[in-house]
C-alpha atoms as a PDB file:
ATOM      1  CA  MET A   1      79.958  76.469 103.491  1.00  0.00           C
ATOM      2  CA  ASP A   2      77.717  74.184 105.729  1.00  0.00           C
ATOM      3  CA  PRO A   3      79.922  72.535 108.534  1.00  0.00           C
ATOM      4  CA  GLY A   4      76.852  70.868 109.452  1.00  0.00           C
ATOM      5  CA  ASN A   5      76.686  69.100 106.242  1.00  0.00           C
ATOM      6  CA  ILE A   6      79.972  69.085 104.468  1.00  0.00           C
ATOM      7  CA  SER A   7      83.142  68.187 105.564  1.00  0.00           C
ATOM      8  CA  ILE A   8      86.577  68.833 103.966  1.00  0.00           C
ATOM      9  CA  GLY A   9      89.806  66.910 104.795  1.00  0.00           C
ATOM     10  CA  ALA A  10      93.353  68.204 103.428  1.00  0.00           C
ATOM     11  CA  HIS A  11      96.160  65.492 102.878  1.00  0.00           C
ATOM     12  CA  SER A  12      99.652  66.353 102.223  1.00  0.00           C
ATOM     13  CA  HIS A  13     101.668  64.147 100.413  1.00  0.00           C
ATOM     14  CA  ASP A  14     105.067  65.702 100.486  1.00  0.00           C
ATOM     15  CA  GLU A  15     106.403  65.885 104.465  1.00  0.00           C
ATOM     16  CA  GLN A  16     109.642  67.685 102.992  1.00  0.00           C
ATOM     17  CA  GLU A  17     109.483  71.749 103.380  1.00  0.00           C
ATOM     18  CA  PRO A  18     109.492  73.840 101.280  1.00  0.00           C
ATOM     19  CA  TYR A  19     107.060  71.528  99.298  1.00  0.00           C
ATOM     20  CA  ARG A  20     104.665  70.106 102.011  1.00  0.00           C
ATOM     21  CA  LEU A  21     101.491  72.939 100.862  1.00  0.00           C
ATOM     22  CA  LEU A  22     102.394  72.137  97.060  1.00  0.00           C
ATOM     23  CA  ASN A  23     100.886  68.685  97.135  1.00  0.00           C
ATOM     24  CA  LEU A  24      97.608  68.430  98.609  1.00  0.00           C
ATOM     25  CA  THR A  25      94.594  66.221  98.059  1.00  0.00           C
ATOM     26  CA  PHE A  26      91.320  67.463  99.327  1.00  0.00           C
ATOM     27  CA  THR A  27      88.306  65.055 100.614  1.00  0.00           C
ATOM     28  CA  LEU A  28      84.543  66.284 100.388  1.00  0.00           C
ATOM     29  CA  THR A  29      82.287  64.331 102.650  1.00  0.00           C
ATOM     30  CA  GLY A  30      78.368  64.692 102.615  1.00  0.00           C
ATOM     31  CA  LYS A  31      76.658  64.186 105.850  1.00  0.00           C
ATOM     32  CA  ASN A  32      72.521  64.258 106.253  1.00  0.00           C
ATOM     33  CA  ASN A  33      71.964  63.029 102.650  1.00  0.00           C
ATOM     34  CA  THR A  34      74.107  66.144 101.602  1.00  0.00           C
ATOM     35  CA  ASP A  35      75.821  65.638  97.791  1.00  0.00           C
ATOM     36  CA  PRO A  36      79.355  66.906  97.999  1.00  0.00           C
ATOM     37  CA  ASP A  37      79.579  66.924  94.438  1.00  0.00           C
ATOM     38  CA  ARG A  38      77.555  69.843  94.205  1.00  0.00           C
ATOM     39  CA  LEU A  39      80.129  71.653  96.483  1.00  0.00           C
ATOM     40  CA  ALA A  40      82.805  70.435  94.447  1.00  0.00           C
ATOM     41  CA  GLY A  41      81.055  71.805  91.130  1.00  0.00           C
ATOM     42  CA  VAL A  42      81.188  75.072  92.760  1.00  0.00           C
ATOM     43  CA  ILE A  43      84.689  75.129  93.835  1.00  0.00           C
ATOM     44  CA  GLU A  44      85.709  74.025  90.193  1.00  0.00           C
ATOM     45  CA  GLU A  45      83.661  76.725  88.573  1.00  0.00           C
ATOM     46  CA  VAL A  46      85.203  79.217  90.969  1.00  0.00           C
ATOM     47  CA  LEU A  47      88.727  78.090  90.296  1.00  0.00           C
ATOM     48  CA  ALA A  48      88.167  78.013  86.511  1.00  0.00           C
ATOM     49  CA  GLU A  49      87.138  81.705  86.643  1.00  0.00           C
ATOM     50  CA  TYR A  50      90.066  82.448  88.713  1.00  0.00           C
ATOM     51  CA  PHE A  51      92.618  80.905  86.669  1.00  0.00           C
ATOM     52  CA  ASP A  52      90.902  82.727  83.614  1.00  0.00           C
ATOM     53  CA  SER A  53      90.943  86.022  85.351  1.00  0.00           C
ATOM     54  CA  LEU A  54      94.933  85.389  86.025  1.00  0.00           C
ATOM     55  CA  ILE A  55      95.341  84.528  81.856  1.00  0.00           C
ATOM     56  CA  LYS A  56      93.861  87.444  80.741  1.00  0.00           C
ATOM     57  CA  LYS A  57      95.406  89.708  83.267  1.00  0.00           C
ATOM     58  CA  LYS A  58      98.760  88.324  81.962  1.00  0.00           C
ATOM     59  CA  ILE A  59      97.571  89.127  77.815  1.00  0.00           C
END
C-alpha cells in the first residue's frame, strides 16, 4: 500500500447493528497520477484466490 499515492475510503450503508460491517463500499482514489484501477485489480486477484482456497477446503 502506498498512502502517499492511494487513499481508500470505506462507507457503511446500514447503520443498524449487527449489520453495519456487512454492507460496505470502498472507494479507491489515486493521487499524483497514480492509477487506482491497478490496485483494485490486485485486490480482486487476491480475493479471488482467497475465495477459491475456501471452496477447495470445503471439498
